[in-house]
C-alpha atoms as a PDB file:
ATOM      1  CA  MET A   1      11.376 -12.011  -0.329  1.00  0.00           C
ATOM      2  CA  SER A   2       8.083 -10.404   0.744  1.00  0.00           C
ATOM      3  CA  GLY A   3       6.101 -10.596   3.783  1.00  0.00           C
ATOM      4  CA  VAL A   4       5.073  -7.468   5.533  1.00  0.00           C
ATOM      5  CA  SER A   5       6.512  -4.305   6.660  1.00  0.00           C
ATOM      6  CA  GLY A   6       6.971  -4.607  10.728  1.00  0.00           C
ATOM      7  CA  ASN A   7       8.403  -8.300   9.846  1.00  0.00           C
ATOM      8  CA  LEU A   8      10.941  -6.680   7.032  1.00  0.00           C
ATOM      9  CA  GLU A   9      11.757  -3.909   9.550  1.00  0.00           C
ATOM     10  CA  GLN A  10      12.321  -6.314  11.907  1.00  0.00           C
ATOM     11  CA  LEU A  11      14.840  -8.289  10.403  1.00  0.00           C
ATOM     12  CA  LEU A  12      16.821  -5.162   9.504  1.00  0.00           C
ATOM     13  CA  HIS A  13      17.581  -4.216  12.653  1.00  0.00           C
ATOM     14  CA  SER A  14      18.511  -7.675  13.065  1.00  0.00           C
ATOM     15  CA  ASN A  15      21.149  -7.836  10.400  1.00  0.00           C
ATOM     16  CA  LYS A  16      19.518 -10.803   8.621  1.00  0.00           C
ATOM     17  CA  LEU A  17      18.333  -8.423   5.834  1.00  0.00           C
ATOM     18  CA  ASP A  18      20.363  -5.967   3.543  1.00  0.00           C
ATOM     19  CA  MET A  19      17.240  -3.308   2.560  1.00  0.00           C
ATOM     20  CA  ALA A  20      13.289  -3.759   2.145  1.00  0.00           C
ATOM     21  CA  LEU A  21      11.342  -1.572   1.224  1.00  0.00           C
ATOM     22  CA  LEU A  22       9.085  -1.205   3.642  1.00  0.00           C
ATOM     23  CA  PHE A  23       5.370   1.264   3.707  1.00  0.00           C
ATOM     24  CA  GLN A  24       5.303   2.841   6.785  1.00  0.00           C
ATOM     25  CA  PRO A  25       5.493   6.386   7.526  1.00  0.00           C
ATOM     26  CA  GLU A  26       7.912   6.518   9.759  1.00  0.00           C
ATOM     27  CA  PRO A  27      10.689   3.673   9.474  1.00  0.00           C
ATOM     28  CA  GLN A  28      12.747   4.330  12.958  1.00  0.00           C
ATOM     29  CA  GLY A  29      16.389   3.823  12.919  1.00  0.00           C
ATOM     30  CA  LEU A  30      16.720   2.842   9.907  1.00  0.00           C
ATOM     31  CA  GLN A  31      18.806   4.166   7.227  1.00  0.00           C
ATOM     32  CA  VAL A  32      15.331   6.153   5.144  1.00  0.00           C
ATOM     33  CA  GLU A  33      14.946   6.583   1.115  1.00  0.00           C
ATOM     34  CA  TRP A  34      12.330   7.983   0.961  1.00  0.00           C
ATOM     35  CA  LEU A  35      10.981   7.055  -3.157  1.00  0.00           C
ATOM     36  CA  PHE A  36       7.219   7.093  -3.598  1.00  0.00           C
ATOM     37  CA  GLN A  37       3.788   8.133  -2.053  1.00  0.00           C
ATOM     38  CA  GLU A  38       1.350   6.090  -3.484  1.00  0.00           C
ATOM     39  CA  ALA A  39      -2.383   6.224  -3.793  1.00  0.00           C
ATOM     40  CA  LEU A  40      -5.041   4.558  -2.496  1.00  0.00           C
ATOM     41  CA  TYR A  41      -7.720   3.358  -4.475  1.00  0.00           C
ATOM     42  CA  LEU A  42     -11.519   2.571  -3.505  1.00  0.00           C
ATOM     43  CA  VAL A  43     -11.482  -1.496  -4.624  1.00  0.00           C
ATOM     44  CA  ALA A  44     -14.895  -2.965  -5.735  1.00  0.00           C
ATOM     45  CA  PRO A  45     -16.481  -5.608  -7.845  1.00  0.00           C
ATOM     46  CA  PRO A  46     -17.166  -4.078 -11.796  1.00  0.00           C
ATOM     47  CA  SER A  47     -21.098  -4.542 -11.093  1.00  0.00           C
ATOM     48  CA  LEU A  48     -21.723  -2.528  -8.626  1.00  0.00           C
ATOM     49  CA  ALA A  49     -22.724   0.834  -8.420  1.00  0.00           C
ATOM     50  CA  VAL A  50     -19.467   3.443  -7.681  1.00  0.00           C
ATOM     51  CA  PRO A  51     -18.671   7.333  -6.929  1.00  0.00           C
ATOM     52  CA  ASP A  52     -16.112   7.894  -9.202  1.00  0.00           C
ATOM     53  CA  PRO A  53     -14.496   9.745  -7.215  1.00  0.00           C
ATOM     54  CA  PHE A  54     -14.854   7.493  -4.087  1.00  0.00           C
ATOM     55  CA  PRO A  55     -15.922   9.375  -1.139  1.00  0.00           C
ATOM     56  CA  LEU A  56     -14.341   8.163   1.695  1.00  0.00           C
ATOM     57  CA  ALA A  57     -17.968   8.922   4.316  1.00  0.00           C
ATOM     58  CA  ARG A  58     -19.061   5.707   2.124  1.00  0.00           C
ATOM     59  CA  THR A  59     -17.674   3.586   3.638  1.00  0.00           C
ATOM     60  CA  ALA A  60     -19.184   3.450   6.705  1.00  0.00           C
ATOM     61  CA  ASP A  61     -22.299   2.380   4.609  1.00  0.00           C
ATOM     62  CA  THR A  62     -20.319   0.027   2.819  1.00  0.00           C
ATOM     63  CA  LEU A  63     -19.510  -3.704   3.208  1.00  0.00           C
ATOM     64  CA  MET A  64     -15.316  -3.504   3.990  1.00  0.00           C
ATOM     65  CA  LEU A  65     -13.252  -5.940   3.670  1.00  0.00           C
ATOM     66  CA  LEU A  66      -9.842  -4.312   5.423  1.00  0.00           C
ATOM     67  CA  PRO A  67      -6.409  -6.606   6.684  1.00  0.00           C
ATOM     68  CA  SER A  68      -6.205  -6.823   9.868  1.00  0.00           C
ATOM     69  CA  PRO A  69      -5.639  -3.658  12.888  1.00  0.00           C
ATOM     70  CA  ASN A  70      -1.552  -5.209  13.058  1.00  0.00           C
ATOM     71  CA  LEU A  71      -0.924  -4.497  10.040  1.00  0.00           C
ATOM     72  CA  GLY A  72       0.248  -0.944   7.885  1.00  0.00           C
ATOM     73  CA  LEU A  73      -2.167  -0.210   5.301  1.00  0.00           C
ATOM     74  CA  ARG A  74      -4.746  -0.754   8.057  1.00  0.00           C
ATOM     75  CA  THR A  75      -3.722   0.904   9.995  1.00  0.00           C
ATOM     76  CA  LEU A  76      -2.976   3.892   7.553  1.00  0.00           C
ATOM     77  CA  ILE A  77      -7.125   3.505   6.704  1.00  0.00           C
ATOM     78  CA  ASP A  78      -8.042   3.589  10.058  1.00  0.00           C
ATOM     79  CA  SER A  79      -5.740   6.909  11.011  1.00  0.00           C
ATOM     80  CA  ALA A  80      -7.657   8.522   7.748  1.00  0.00           C
ATOM     81  CA  LEU A  81     -11.119   7.515   8.907  1.00  0.00           C
ATOM     82  CA  ALA A  82     -10.563   8.626  12.342  1.00  0.00           C
ATOM     83  CA  ARG A  83      -9.769  11.919  11.120  1.00  0.00           C
ATOM     84  CA  HIS A  84     -12.976  12.956   8.730  1.00  0.00           C
ATOM     85  CA  GLY A  85     -15.213  10.671  11.775  1.00  0.00           C
ATOM     86  CA  ILE A  86     -15.827   8.116  10.022  1.00  0.00           C
ATOM     87  CA  ARG A  87     -16.159   4.654  10.863  1.00  0.00           C
ATOM     88  CA  PRO A  88     -16.396   2.129   8.103  1.00  0.00           C
ATOM     89  CA  ASN A  89     -18.650  -0.834   8.056  1.00  0.00           C
ATOM     90  CA  ILE A  90     -15.779  -3.169   7.947  1.00  0.00           C
ATOM     91  CA  VAL A  91     -17.767  -7.568   6.956  1.00  0.00           C
ATOM     92  CA  ALA A  92     -13.941  -9.162   7.647  1.00  0.00           C
ATOM     93  CA  GLU A  93     -10.823  -8.165   8.106  1.00  0.00           C
ATOM     94  CA  LEU A  94      -8.247 -10.197   5.282  1.00  0.00           C
ATOM     95  CA  ASP A  95      -4.839 -10.729   5.389  1.00  0.00           C
ATOM     96  CA  GLY A  96      -1.312 -11.810   3.681  1.00  0.00           C
ATOM     97  CA  SER A  97      -3.019 -13.082   0.015  1.00  0.00           C
ATOM     98  CA  ILE A  98      -4.352 -10.231  -2.317  1.00  0.00           C
ATOM     99  CA  PRO A  99      -5.968 -12.945  -5.026  1.00  0.00           C
ATOM    100  CA  THR A 100      -8.078 -14.135  -2.528  1.00  0.00           C
ATOM    101  CA  LEU A 101      -8.547 -10.773  -1.521  1.00  0.00           C
ATOM    102  CA  CYS A 102      -9.821  -8.969  -4.657  1.00  0.00           C
ATOM    103  CA  THR A 103     -12.159 -12.343  -5.704  1.00  0.00           C
ATOM    104  CA  ALA A 104     -13.660 -12.207  -2.417  1.00  0.00           C
ATOM    105  CA  ILE A 105     -14.069  -8.422  -3.475  1.00  0.00           C
ATOM    106  CA  GLU A 106     -15.072 -10.081  -7.794  1.00  0.00           C
ATOM    107  CA  HIS A 107     -18.124 -11.580  -6.094  1.00  0.00           C
ATOM    108  CA  GLY A 108     -19.306  -9.606  -4.009  1.00  0.00           C
ATOM    109  CA  LEU A 109     -18.252  -9.613  -1.287  1.00  0.00           C
ATOM    110  CA  GLY A 110     -17.701  -5.710  -0.713  1.00  0.00           C
ATOM    111  CA  CYS A 111     -14.800  -3.561  -0.822  1.00  0.00           C
ATOM    112  CA  SER A 112     -11.548  -2.661   0.283  1.00  0.00           C
ATOM    113  CA  ILE A 113      -9.061  -0.014   0.360  1.00  0.00           C
ATOM    114  CA  MET A 114      -5.649  -0.732  -1.343  1.00  0.00           C
ATOM    115  CA  PRO A 115      -3.126   0.472  -3.774  1.00  0.00           C
ATOM    116  CA  TRP A 116      -3.283   0.198  -7.268  1.00  0.00           C
ATOM    117  CA  ALA A 117      -0.291  -2.268  -8.098  1.00  0.00           C
ATOM    118  CA  ALA A 118      -1.896  -4.365  -5.623  1.00  0.00           C
ATOM    119  CA  PHE A 119      -4.848  -4.464  -7.441  1.00  0.00           C
ATOM    120  CA  SER A 120      -4.030  -3.438 -11.218  1.00  0.00           C
ATOM    121  CA  ASP A 121      -3.909  -6.936 -12.572  1.00  0.00           C
ATOM    122  CA  SER A 122      -7.073  -7.999 -11.388  1.00  0.00           C
ATOM    123  CA  ALA A 123      -8.440  -4.816 -12.771  1.00  0.00           C
ATOM    124  CA  ALA A 124      -6.822  -5.084 -16.582  1.00  0.00           C
ATOM    125  CA  ARG A 125      -8.908  -8.623 -16.353  1.00  0.00           C
ATOM    126  CA  GLY A 126     -11.759  -7.090 -15.478  1.00  0.00           C
ATOM    127  CA  GLU A 127     -12.383  -8.482 -11.985  1.00  0.00           C
ATOM    128  CA  VAL A 128     -12.825  -5.555 -10.226  1.00  0.00           C
ATOM    129  CA  ALA A 129     -12.624  -1.998 -10.469  1.00  0.00           C
ATOM    130  CA  GLY A 130     -10.774   0.523  -8.733  1.00  0.00           C
ATOM    131  CA  TYR A 131     -11.817   4.326  -7.987  1.00  0.00           C
ATOM    132  CA  PRO A 132     -10.092   7.152  -6.543  1.00  0.00           C
ATOM    133  CA  LEU A 133     -11.045   7.784  -2.950  1.00  0.00           C
ATOM    134  CA  THR A 134     -12.477  11.952  -1.300  1.00  0.00           C
ATOM    135  CA  PRO A 135     -10.094  12.776   0.373  1.00  0.00           C
ATOM    136  CA  GLU A 136      -7.473  11.249  -1.244  1.00  0.00           C
ATOM    137  CA  MET A 137      -5.176   8.715   1.001  1.00  0.00           C
ATOM    138  CA  TRP A 138      -1.729   7.913   0.591  1.00  0.00           C
ATOM    139  CA  ARG A 139       1.078   5.537   1.342  1.00  0.00           C
ATOM    140  CA  PRO A 140       4.815   6.929   1.167  1.00  0.00           C
ATOM    141  CA  VAL A 141       7.060   4.010   0.519  1.00  0.00           C
ATOM    142  CA  SER A 142      11.100   4.086   1.191  1.00  0.00           C
ATOM    143  CA  LEU A 143      14.077   1.704   0.486  1.00  0.00           C
ATOM    144  CA  CYS A 144      15.389   1.256   4.201  1.00  0.00           C
ATOM    145  CA  ARG A 145      18.831  -0.193   5.358  1.00  0.00           C
ATOM    146  CA  SER A 146      20.012  -0.919   8.850  1.00  0.00           C
ATOM    147  CA  ALA A 147      22.227   2.058  10.298  1.00  0.00           C
ATOM    148  CA  ALA A 148      24.608  -0.173  11.975  1.00  0.00           C
ATOM    149  CA  PRO A 149      26.866  -1.905  10.711  1.00  0.00           C
ATOM    150  CA  ALA A 150      27.609   0.330   8.018  1.00  0.00           C
ATOM    151  CA  ALA A 151      26.680  -1.351   4.820  1.00  0.00           C
ATOM    152  CA  SER A 152      28.855  -2.967   2.901  1.00  0.00           C
ATOM    153  CA  ARG A 153      29.829  -1.293  -0.681  1.00  0.00           C
ATOM    154  CA  ALA A 154      27.856  -4.242  -2.554  1.00  0.00           C
ATOM    155  CA  THR A 155      25.138  -3.383  -0.354  1.00  0.00           C
ATOM    156  CA  GLN A 156      25.641   0.201  -0.844  1.00  0.00           C
ATOM    157  CA  VAL A 157      25.799  -0.146  -4.647  1.00  0.00           C
ATOM    158  CA  VAL A 158      23.012  -2.409  -4.851  1.00  0.00           C
ATOM    159  CA  PHE A 159      20.887   0.166  -2.538  1.00  0.00           C
ATOM    160  CA  GLU A 160      21.739   2.837  -5.419  1.00  0.00           C
ATOM    161  CA  ARG A 161      20.729   0.694  -7.916  1.00  0.00           C
ATOM    162  CA  MET A 162      17.619  -0.305  -6.889  1.00  0.00           C
ATOM    163  CA  ARG A 163      16.756   3.389  -6.072  1.00  0.00           C
ATOM    164  CA  ARG A 164      17.776   4.326  -9.673  1.00  0.00           C
ATOM    165  CA  LEU A 165      15.781   1.424 -11.125  1.00  0.00           C
ATOM    166  CA  ILE A 166      12.571   1.740  -8.683  1.00  0.00           C
ATOM    167  CA  ARG A 167      12.236   5.105  -9.440  1.00  0.00           C
ATOM    168  CA  GLU A 168      12.906   4.322 -13.846  1.00  0.00           C
ATOM    169  CA  ASP A 169      10.211   2.490 -13.351  1.00  0.00           C
ATOM    170  CA  LEU A 170       7.706   4.352 -12.392  1.00  0.00           C
ATOM    171  CA  ARG A 171       6.910   6.337 -14.292  1.00  0.00           C
ATOM    172  CA  HIS A 172       3.913   5.091 -15.827  1.00  0.00           C
ATOM    173  CA  ALA A 173       2.704   4.953 -12.829  1.00  0.00           C
ATOM    174  CA  VAL A 174       3.086   8.432 -12.290  1.00  0.00           C
ATOM    175  CA  GLU A 175       1.987   9.549 -15.374  1.00  0.00           C
ATOM    176  CA  ILE A 176      -1.608   7.839 -13.746  1.00  0.00           C
ATOM    177  CA  GLY A 177      -1.754   9.646 -11.698  1.00  0.00           C
ATOM    178  CA  SER A 178      -0.876   6.653  -9.076  1.00  0.00           C
ATOM    179  CA  ILE A 179       2.077   7.961  -7.397  1.00  0.00           C
ATOM    180  CA  ARG A 180       3.634  10.856  -6.441  1.00  0.00           C
ATOM    181  CA  LEU A 181       8.307  10.729  -6.209  1.00  0.00           C
ATOM    182  CA  GLN A 182       9.468  12.067  -3.197  1.00  0.00           C
ATOM    183  CA  SER A 183      12.403  14.860  -4.655  1.00  0.00           C
END
């Protein structure tokens, strides 16, 4: 299943889900295997002249389409902007559909901030363009499972296999600089 990290975390705590990839800094009460950090990018219409890298301070005068404040990505973005005293020019909050968000960006309704994996297909088709941020912004990614009760042997085996597969699959992302592996 796919879903918002907060919802998946609740399913882990209630033992309705065996494991999940979570995109938040500090999941509480779970067994956490930190996998990597993913870089966040400004995502813009290809026709928009954008500095490369894109200064975070420019979000104050750029039309921004961001997720709503109840999502972890927005919390991360808001925290980073607040540390630098930046108030973004948010024109809309969009949740739940990366394709819808990319279409809105492609049509010039605004720009957004998201990880490469979220918009790379749209970028490959030339529908949007991605620019590194300055200062950089990174989002932690972890493979998590409930801390109690103890995981079954099958869950442990799948957990370890998932961890290995994810790390092996990240080679290209590491090469282009959108991922930093955890040691």
